Each structure stands twice: as structure tokens, then as C-alpha cells.
Amino acid sequence: MTRMRLRLTFPPHLIQEPIVYRLVKDFDIVINIRRADVKADYGWMALELDGEEAQLERGVKWLKEKGVQVDPIERDVISP
């Protein structure tokens, strides 16, 4: 089992999409939402993701393909 900490930033057209649900259901990833702020036109989430390394990689690739900005978090700081 591998753990990954990410900040996801959602563009306006994805705010209403069930992105986190799809990560859980389609990629068999366990999600822990650490922080989030979602408005009508913008949103972000700080998540811990647990799963098999290959599944996590597939899930992150899918997020990026959907248009979600994915940034790694190191010790509660977003890494460049």
C-alpha cells in the first residue's frame, strides 16, 4: 500500500463532477479529505490517497487528463 498527499485544484467546468467518487470507484483508491474549499466557480481539495502504486499513478494520470491541477503536498506545504 502506498500513500500520496495531493492538492487538487478544479476548474469551473469540473466543480459539479463526482471526481473523488470516480477515484474511489474506478481506481480502488482510499481517500481521506484533509481540507477543502469548493465554491460555485472554483474548488480545491487537500487529499491523502492510499492504494496500490499502479492504481495511484493511473488515478493521477486520469485527473490530469480531466483538467484537474494536481500538486504534491510535502508536510502541509504544496511542492513546486
PDB file of N, CA and C in Angstrom:
ATOM      1  N   MET A   1       0.844  -1.174   0.000  1.00  0.00           N
ATOM      2  CA  MET A   1       0.000   0.000   0.000  1.00  0.00           C
ATOM      3  C   MET A   1       0.893   1.243   0.000  1.00  0.00           C
ATOM      4  N   THR A   2       0.570   2.194  -0.832  1.00  0.00           N
ATOM      5  CA  THR A   2       1.322   3.436  -0.962  1.00  0.00           C
ATOM      6  C   THR A   2       0.420   4.599  -0.565  1.00  0.00           C
ATOM      7  N   ARG A   3       1.017   5.629   0.043  1.00  0.00           N
ATOM      8  CA  ARG A   3       0.266   6.828   0.405  1.00  0.00           C
ATOM      9  C   ARG A   3       0.818   8.014  -0.361  1.00  0.00           C
ATOM     10  N   MET A   4      -0.097   8.851  -0.825  1.00  0.00           N
ATOM     11  CA  MET A   4       0.241  10.033  -1.592  1.00  0.00           C
ATOM     12  C   MET A   4      -0.577  11.195  -1.037  1.00  0.00           C
ATOM     13  N   ARG A   5       0.031  12.359  -0.915  1.00  0.00           N
ATOM     14  CA  ARG A   5      -0.694  13.554  -0.457  1.00  0.00           C
ATOM     15  C   ARG A   5      -0.689  14.560  -1.591  1.00  0.00           C
ATOM     16  N   LEU A   6      -1.883  14.993  -1.996  1.00  0.00           N
ATOM     17  CA  LEU A   6      -2.031  15.872  -3.145  1.00  0.00           C
ATOM     18  C   LEU A   6      -2.997  17.008  -2.862  1.00  0.00           C
ATOM     19  N   ARG A   7      -2.778  18.098  -3.559  1.00  0.00           N
ATOM     20  CA  ARG A   7      -3.758  19.186  -3.611  1.00  0.00           C
ATOM     21  C   ARG A   7      -4.325  19.169  -5.025  1.00  0.00           C
ATOM     22  N   LEU A   8      -5.632  19.063  -5.111  1.00  0.00           N
ATOM     23  CA  LEU A   8      -6.324  19.087  -6.395  1.00  0.00           C
ATOM     24  C   LEU A   8      -7.016  20.430  -6.541  1.00  0.00           C
ATOM     25  N   THR A   9      -6.819  21.075  -7.680  1.00  0.00           N
ATOM     26  CA  THR A   9      -7.484  22.338  -7.970  1.00  0.00           C
ATOM     27  C   THR A   9      -8.375  22.109  -9.185  1.00  0.00           C
ATOM     28  N   PHE A  10      -9.663  22.437  -9.018  1.00  0.00           N
ATOM     29  CA  PHE A  10     -10.658  22.133 -10.039  1.00  0.00           C
ATOM     30  C   PHE A  10     -11.056  23.391 -10.806  1.00  0.00           C
ATOM     31  N   PRO A  11     -11.063  23.325 -12.145  1.00  0.00           N
ATOM     32  CA  PRO A  11     -11.572  24.438 -12.943  1.00  0.00           C
ATOM     33  C   PRO A  11     -13.102  24.472 -12.850  1.00  0.00           C
ATOM     34  N   PRO A  12     -13.699  25.596 -13.213  1.00  0.00           N
ATOM     35  CA  PRO A  12     -15.158  25.746 -13.072  1.00  0.00           C
ATOM     36  C   PRO A  12     -15.984  24.629 -13.706  1.00  0.00           C
ATOM     37  N   HIS A  13     -15.590  24.130 -14.870  1.00  0.00           N
ATOM     38  CA  HIS A  13     -16.410  23.127 -15.551  1.00  0.00           C
ATOM     39  C   HIS A  13     -16.390  21.754 -14.860  1.00  0.00           C
ATOM     40  N   LEU A  14     -15.502  21.557 -13.878  1.00  0.00           N
ATOM     41  CA  LEU A  14     -15.455  20.272 -13.177  1.00  0.00           C
ATOM     42  C   LEU A  14     -16.032  20.317 -11.763  1.00  0.00           C
ATOM     43  N   ILE A  15     -16.478  21.475 -11.310  1.00  0.00           N
ATOM     44  CA  ILE A  15     -16.967  21.613  -9.933  1.00  0.00           C
ATOM     45  C   ILE A  15     -18.120  20.654  -9.638  1.00  0.00           C
ATOM     46  N   GLN A  16     -19.009  20.451 -10.591  1.00  0.00           N
ATOM     47  CA  GLN A  16     -20.182  19.599 -10.370  1.00  0.00           C
ATOM     48  C   GLN A  16     -19.924  18.118 -10.661  1.00  0.00           C
ATOM     49  N   GLU A  17     -18.719  17.780 -11.133  1.00  0.00           N
ATOM     50  CA  GLU A  17     -18.400  16.397 -11.474  1.00  0.00           C
ATOM     51  C   GLU A  17     -18.016  15.592 -10.220  1.00  0.00           C
ATOM     52  N   PRO A  18     -18.378  14.320 -10.159  1.00  0.00           N
ATOM     53  CA  PRO A  18     -18.035  13.477  -8.993  1.00  0.00           C
ATOM     54  C   PRO A  18     -16.610  12.908  -9.099  1.00  0.00           C
ATOM     55  N   ILE A  19     -15.628  13.784  -9.112  1.00  0.00           N
ATOM     56  CA  ILE A  19     -14.235  13.397  -9.331  1.00  0.00           C
ATOM     57  C   ILE A  19     -13.730  12.464  -8.227  1.00  0.00           C
ATOM     58  N   VAL A  20     -13.942  12.811  -6.973  1.00  0.00           N
ATOM     59  CA  VAL A  20     -13.445  11.994  -5.860  1.00  0.00           C
ATOM     60  C   VAL A  20     -14.139  10.635  -5.860  1.00  0.00           C
ATOM     61  N   TYR A  21     -15.416  10.612  -6.121  1.00  0.00           N
ATOM     62  CA  TYR A  21     -16.149   9.345  -6.210  1.00  0.00           C
ATOM     63  C   TYR A  21     -15.527   8.442  -7.269  1.00  0.00           C
ATOM     64  N   ARG A  22     -15.197   9.011  -8.425  1.00  0.00           N
ATOM     65  CA  ARG A  22     -14.609   8.222  -9.511  1.00  0.00           C
ATOM     66  C   ARG A  22     -13.245   7.665  -9.120  1.00  0.00           C
ATOM     67  N   LEU A  23     -12.441   8.436  -8.359  1.00  0.00           N
ATOM     68  CA  LEU A  23     -11.155   7.919  -7.896  1.00  0.00           C
ATOM     69  C   LEU A  23     -11.354   6.682  -7.019  1.00  0.00           C
ATOM     70  N   VAL A  24     -12.333   6.755  -6.138  1.00  0.00           N
ATOM     71  CA  VAL A  24     -12.613   5.636  -5.235  1.00  0.00           C
ATOM     72  C   VAL A  24     -13.155   4.444  -6.023  1.00  0.00           C
ATOM     73  N   LYS A  25     -14.160   4.676  -6.814  1.00  0.00           N
ATOM     74  CA  LYS A  25     -14.877   3.604  -7.508  1.00  0.00           C
ATOM     75  C   LYS A  25     -14.069   2.981  -8.655  1.00  0.00           C
ATOM     76  N   ASP A  26     -13.502   3.839  -9.518  1.00  0.00           N
ATOM     77  CA  ASP A  26     -12.854   3.341 -10.732  1.00  0.00           C
ATOM     78  C   ASP A  26     -11.407   2.900 -10.526  1.00  0.00           C
ATOM     79  N   PHE A  27     -10.730   3.477  -9.519  1.00  0.00           N
ATOM     80  CA  PHE A  27      -9.311   3.196  -9.340  1.00  0.00           C
ATOM     81  C   PHE A  27      -9.009   2.495  -8.017  1.00  0.00           C
ATOM     82  N   ASP A  28     -10.031   2.211  -7.227  1.00  0.00           N
ATOM     83  CA  ASP A  28      -9.872   1.497  -5.959  1.00  0.00           C
ATOM     84  C   ASP A  28      -8.872   2.200  -5.044  1.00  0.00           C
ATOM     85  N   ILE A  29      -9.040   3.534  -4.927  1.00  0.00           N
ATOM     86  CA  ILE A  29      -8.170   4.360  -4.093  1.00  0.00           C
ATOM     87  C   ILE A  29      -8.956   4.786  -2.856  1.00  0.00           C
ATOM     88  N   VAL A  30      -8.320   4.688  -1.696  1.00  0.00           N
ATOM     89  CA  VAL A  30      -8.936   5.153  -0.448  1.00  0.00           C
ATOM     90  C   VAL A  30      -8.564   6.622  -0.274  1.00  0.00           C
ATOM     91  N   ILE A  31      -9.576   7.451  -0.060  1.00  0.00           N
ATOM     92  CA  ILE A  31      -9.392   8.906   0.007  1.00  0.00           C
ATOM     93  C   ILE A  31      -9.663   9.400   1.422  1.00  0.00           C
ATOM     94  N   ASN A  32      -8.794  10.283   1.900  1.00  0.00           N
ATOM     95  CA  ASN A  32      -9.020  10.998   3.153  1.00  0.00           C
ATOM     96  C   ASN A  32      -8.938  12.482   2.818  1.00  0.00           C
ATOM     97  N   ILE A  33     -10.060  13.194   2.925  1.00  0.00           N
ATOM     98  CA  ILE A  33     -10.087  14.629   2.629  1.00  0.00           C
ATOM     99  C   ILE A  33      -9.579  15.368   3.858  1.00  0.00           C
ATOM    100  N   ARG A  34      -8.451  16.049   3.704  1.00  0.00           N
ATOM    101  CA  ARG A  34      -7.826  16.776   4.820  1.00  0.00           C
ATOM    102  C   ARG A  34      -8.340  18.213   4.908  1.00  0.00           C
ATOM    103  N   ARG A  35      -8.494  18.849   3.787  1.00  0.00           N
ATOM    104  CA  ARG A  35      -9.037  20.216   3.717  1.00  0.00           C
ATOM    105  C   ARG A  35      -9.687  20.393   2.356  1.00  0.00           C
ATOM    106  N   ALA A  36     -10.633  21.318   2.294  1.00  0.00           N
ATOM    107  CA  ALA A  36     -11.272  21.590   1.008  1.00  0.00           C
ATOM    108  C   ALA A  36     -11.970  22.937   1.054  1.00  0.00           C
ATOM    109  N   ASP A  37     -12.076  23.538  -0.113  1.00  0.00           N
ATOM    110  CA  ASP A  37     -12.838  24.766  -0.286  1.00  0.00           C
ATOM    111  C   ASP A  37     -13.432  24.700  -1.684  1.00  0.00           C
ATOM    112  N   VAL A  38     -14.747  24.586  -1.753  1.00  0.00           N
ATOM    113  CA  VAL A  38     -15.415  24.464  -3.039  1.00  0.00           C
ATOM    114  C   VAL A  38     -16.471  25.552  -3.143  1.00  0.00           C
ATOM    115  N   LYS A  39     -16.366  26.332  -4.194  1.00  0.00           N
ATOM    116  CA  LYS A  39     -17.318  27.406  -4.480  1.00  0.00           C
ATOM    117  C   LYS A  39     -18.016  27.062  -5.796  1.00  0.00           C
ATOM    118  N   ALA A  40     -18.893  27.937  -6.240  1.00  0.00           N
ATOM    119  CA  ALA A  40     -19.636  27.686  -7.473  1.00  0.00           C
ATOM    120  C   ALA A  40     -18.734  27.658  -8.708  1.00  0.00           C
ATOM    121  N   ASP A  41     -17.630  28.403  -8.678  1.00  0.00           N
ATOM    122  CA  ASP A  41     -16.792  28.517  -9.874  1.00  0.00           C
ATOM    123  C   ASP A  41     -15.337  28.088  -9.671  1.00  0.00           C
ATOM    124  N   TYR A  42     -15.004  27.546  -8.498  1.00  0.00           N
ATOM    125  CA  TYR A  42     -13.621  27.200  -8.211  1.00  0.00           C
ATOM    126  C   TYR A  42     -13.609  26.246  -7.020  1.00  0.00           C
ATOM    127  N   GLY A  43     -12.626  25.351  -6.997  1.00  0.00           N
ATOM    128  CA  GLY A  43     -12.529  24.472  -5.841  1.00  0.00           C
ATOM    129  C   GLY A  43     -11.163  23.846  -5.722  1.00  0.00           C
ATOM    130  N   TRP A  44     -10.797  23.501  -4.497  1.00  0.00           N
ATOM    131  CA  TRP A  44      -9.559  22.763  -4.250  1.00  0.00           C
ATOM    132  C   TRP A  44      -9.782  21.807  -3.097  1.00  0.00           C
ATOM    133  N   MET A  45      -8.972  20.761  -3.069  1.00  0.00           N
ATOM    134  CA  MET A  45      -9.023  19.772  -2.003  1.00  0.00           C
ATOM    135  C   MET A  45      -7.610  19.314  -1.696  1.00  0.00           C
ATOM    136  N   ALA A  46      -7.300  19.162  -0.422  1.00  0.00           N
ATOM    137  CA  ALA A  46      -6.058  18.526   0.014  1.00  0.00           C
ATOM    138  C   ALA A  46      -6.434  17.116   0.443  1.00  0.00           C
ATOM    139  N   LEU A  47      -5.844  16.124  -0.206  1.00  0.00           N
ATOM    140  CA  LEU A  47      -6.228  14.732  -0.005  1.00  0.00           C
ATOM    141  C   LEU A  47      -5.036  13.864   0.357  1.00  0.00           C
ATOM    142  N   GLU A  48      -5.317  12.810   1.115  1.00  0.00           N
ATOM    143  CA  GLU A  48      -4.395  11.695   1.261  1.00  0.00           C
ATOM    144  C   GLU A  48      -5.012  10.551   0.483  1.00  0.00           C
ATOM    145  N   LEU A  49      -4.233   9.944  -0.374  1.00  0.00           N
ATOM    146  CA  LEU A  49      -4.699   8.832  -1.187  1.00  0.00           C
ATOM    147  C   LEU A  49      -3.892   7.600  -0.820  1.00  0.00           C
ATOM    148  N   ASP A  50      -4.579   6.497  -0.556  1.00  0.00           N
ATOM    149  CA  ASP A  50      -3.933   5.228  -0.252  1.00  0.00           C
ATOM    150  C   ASP A  50      -4.367   4.199  -1.285  1.00  0.00           C
ATOM    151  N   GLY A  51      -3.399   3.418  -1.762  1.00  0.00           N
ATOM    152  CA  GLY A  51      -3.717   2.366  -2.714  1.00  0.00           C
ATOM    153  C   GLY A  51      -2.457   1.757  -3.274  1.00  0.00           C
ATOM    154  N   GLU A  52      -2.643   0.841  -4.200  1.00  0.00           N
ATOM    155  CA  GLU A  52      -1.501   0.252  -4.895  1.00  0.00           C
ATOM    156  C   GLU A  52      -0.862   1.330  -5.766  1.00  0.00           C
ATOM    157  N   GLU A  53       0.453   1.297  -5.857  1.00  0.00           N
ATOM    158  CA  GLU A  53       1.172   2.345  -6.585  1.00  0.00           C
ATOM    159  C   GLU A  53       0.679   2.510  -8.019  1.00  0.00           C
ATOM    160  N   ALA A  54       0.437   1.418  -8.708  1.00  0.00           N
ATOM    161  CA  ALA A  54      -0.041   1.479 -10.097  1.00  0.00           C
ATOM    162  C   ALA A  54      -1.411   2.145 -10.182  1.00  0.00           C
ATOM    163  N   GLN A  55      -2.291   1.840  -9.215  1.00  0.00           N
ATOM    164  CA  GLN A  55      -3.624   2.449  -9.207  1.00  0.00           C
ATOM    165  C   GLN A  55      -3.531   3.955  -8.943  1.00  0.00           C
ATOM    166  N   LEU A  56      -2.663   4.338  -8.014  1.00  0.00           N
ATOM    167  CA  LEU A  56      -2.472   5.765  -7.734  1.00  0.00           C
ATOM    168  C   LEU A  56      -1.957   6.494  -8.975  1.00  0.00           C
ATOM    169  N   GLU A  57      -0.997   5.907  -9.665  1.00  0.00           N
ATOM    170  CA  GLU A  57      -0.453   6.521 -10.877  1.00  0.00           C
ATOM    171  C   GLU A  57      -1.529   6.661 -11.951  1.00  0.00           C
ATOM    172  N   ARG A  58      -2.341   5.626 -12.116  1.00  0.00           N
ATOM    173  CA  ARG A  58      -3.441   5.693 -13.091  1.00  0.00           C
ATOM    174  C   ARG A  58      -4.452   6.766 -12.710  1.00  0.00           C
ATOM    175  N   GLY A  59      -4.772   6.848 -11.409  1.00  0.00           N
ATOM    176  CA  GLY A  59      -5.720   7.848 -10.942  1.00  0.00           C
ATOM    177  C   GLY A  59      -5.218   9.267 -11.146  1.00  0.00           C
ATOM    178  N   VAL A  60      -3.949   9.507 -10.845  1.00  0.00           N
ATOM    179  CA  VAL A  60      -3.371  10.849 -11.034  1.00  0.00           C
ATOM    180  C   VAL A  60      -3.338  11.204 -12.519  1.00  0.00           C
ATOM    181  N   LYS A  61      -2.982  10.245 -13.353  1.00  0.00           N
ATOM    182  CA  LYS A  61      -2.987  10.487 -14.804  1.00  0.00           C
ATOM    183  C   LYS A  61      -4.384  10.865 -15.283  1.00  0.00           C
ATOM    184  N   TRP A  62      -5.388  10.145 -14.803  1.00  0.00           N
ATOM    185  CA  TRP A  62      -6.775  10.420 -15.180  1.00  0.00           C
ATOM    186  C   TRP A  62      -7.186  11.827 -14.734  1.00  0.00           C
ATOM    187  N   LEU A  63      -6.808  12.210 -13.494  1.00  0.00           N
ATOM    188  CA  LEU A  63      -7.127  13.553 -13.006  1.00  0.00           C
ATOM    189  C   LEU A  63      -6.562  14.624 -13.935  1.00  0.00           C
ATOM    190  N   LYS A  64      -5.293  14.472 -14.296  1.00  0.00           N
ATOM    191  CA  LYS A  64      -4.647  15.452 -15.174  1.00  0.00           C
ATOM    192  C   LYS A  64      -5.308  15.493 -16.541  1.00  0.00           C
ATOM    193  N   GLU A  65      -5.679  14.328 -17.069  1.00  0.00           N
ATOM    194  CA  GLU A  65      -6.361  14.277 -18.367  1.00  0.00           C
ATOM    195  C   GLU A  65      -7.722  14.964 -18.312  1.00  0.00           C
ATOM    196  N   LYS A  66      -8.386  14.896 -17.160  1.00  0.00           N
ATOM    197  CA  LYS A  66      -9.687  15.559 -16.987  1.00  0.00           C
ATOM    198  C   LYS A  66      -9.547  17.085 -16.889  1.00  0.00           C
ATOM    199  N   GLY A  67      -8.336  17.570 -16.570  1.00  0.00           N
ATOM    200  CA  GLY A  67      -8.123  19.008 -16.442  1.00  0.00           C
ATOM    201  C   GLY A  67      -7.967  19.483 -15.014  1.00  0.00           C
ATOM    202  N   VAL A  68      -7.818  18.551 -14.070  1.00  0.00           N
ATOM    203  CA  VAL A  68      -7.598  18.902 -12.667  1.00  0.00           C
ATOM    204  C   VAL A  68      -6.113  19.190 -12.483  1.00  0.00           C
ATOM    205  N   GLN A  69      -5.794  20.294 -11.812  1.00  0.00           N
ATOM    206  CA  GLN A  69      -4.403  20.591 -11.482  1.00  0.00           C
ATOM    207  C   GLN A  69      -4.027  19.746 -10.272  1.00  0.00           C
ATOM    208  N   VAL A  70      -2.947  18.997 -10.372  1.00  0.00           N
ATOM    209  CA  VAL A  70      -2.506  18.086  -9.319  1.00  0.00           C
ATOM    210  C   VAL A  70      -1.140  18.540  -8.821  1.00  0.00           C
ATOM    211  N   ASP A  71      -1.061  18.872  -7.522  1.00  0.00           N
ATOM    212  CA  ASP A  71       0.195  19.302  -6.916  1.00  0.00           C
ATOM    213  C   ASP A  71       0.494  18.430  -5.710  1.00  0.00           C
ATOM    214  N   PRO A  72       1.731  17.926  -5.602  1.00  0.00           N
ATOM    215  CA  PRO A  72       2.097  17.133  -4.424  1.00  0.00           C
ATOM    216  C   PRO A  72       2.193  18.010  -3.184  1.00  0.00           C
ATOM    217  N   ILE A  73       1.868  17.444  -2.038  1.00  0.00           N
ATOM    218  CA  ILE A  73       1.980  18.142  -0.754  1.00  0.00           C
ATOM    219  C   ILE A  73       3.060  17.449   0.061  1.00  0.00           C
ATOM    220  N   GLU A  74       3.982  18.219   0.577  1.00  0.00           N
ATOM    221  CA  GLU A  74       5.025  17.714   1.471  1.00  0.00           C
ATOM    222  C   GLU A  74       4.899  18.444   2.804  1.00  0.00           C
ATOM    223  N   ARG A  75       4.571  17.725   3.865  1.00  0.00           N
ATOM    224  CA  ARG A  75       4.462  18.305   5.203  1.00  0.00           C
ATOM    225  C   ARG A  75       3.558  19.544   5.236  1.00  0.00           C
ATOM    226  N   ASP A  76       2.376  19.429   4.656  1.00  0.00           N
ATOM    227  CA  ASP A  76       1.388  20.504   4.604  1.00  0.00           C
ATOM    228  C   ASP A  76       1.820  21.712   3.790  1.00  0.00           C
ATOM    229  N   VAL A  77       2.810  21.526   2.935  1.00  0.00           N
ATOM    230  CA  VAL A  77       3.241  22.584   2.026  1.00  0.00           C
ATOM    231  C   VAL A  77       3.166  22.032   0.623  1.00  0.00           C
ATOM    232  N   ILE A  78       2.589  22.804  -0.280  1.00  0.00           N
ATOM    233  CA  ILE A  78       2.492  22.371  -1.675  1.00  0.00           C
ATOM    234  C   ILE A  78       3.867  22.479  -2.302  1.00  0.00           C
ATOM    235  N   SER A  79       4.327  21.404  -2.908  1.00  0.00           N
ATOM    236  CA  SER A  79       5.635  21.376  -3.550  1.00  0.00           C
ATOM    237  C   SER A  79       5.532  21.893  -4.967  1.00  0.00           C
ATOM    238  N   PRO A  80       6.541  22.628  -5.423  1.00  0.00           N
ATOM    239  CA  PRO A  80       6.508  23.136  -6.819  1.00  0.00           C
ATOM    240  C   PRO A  80       6.704  22.017  -7.816  1.00  0.00           C
TER     241      PRO A  80
END
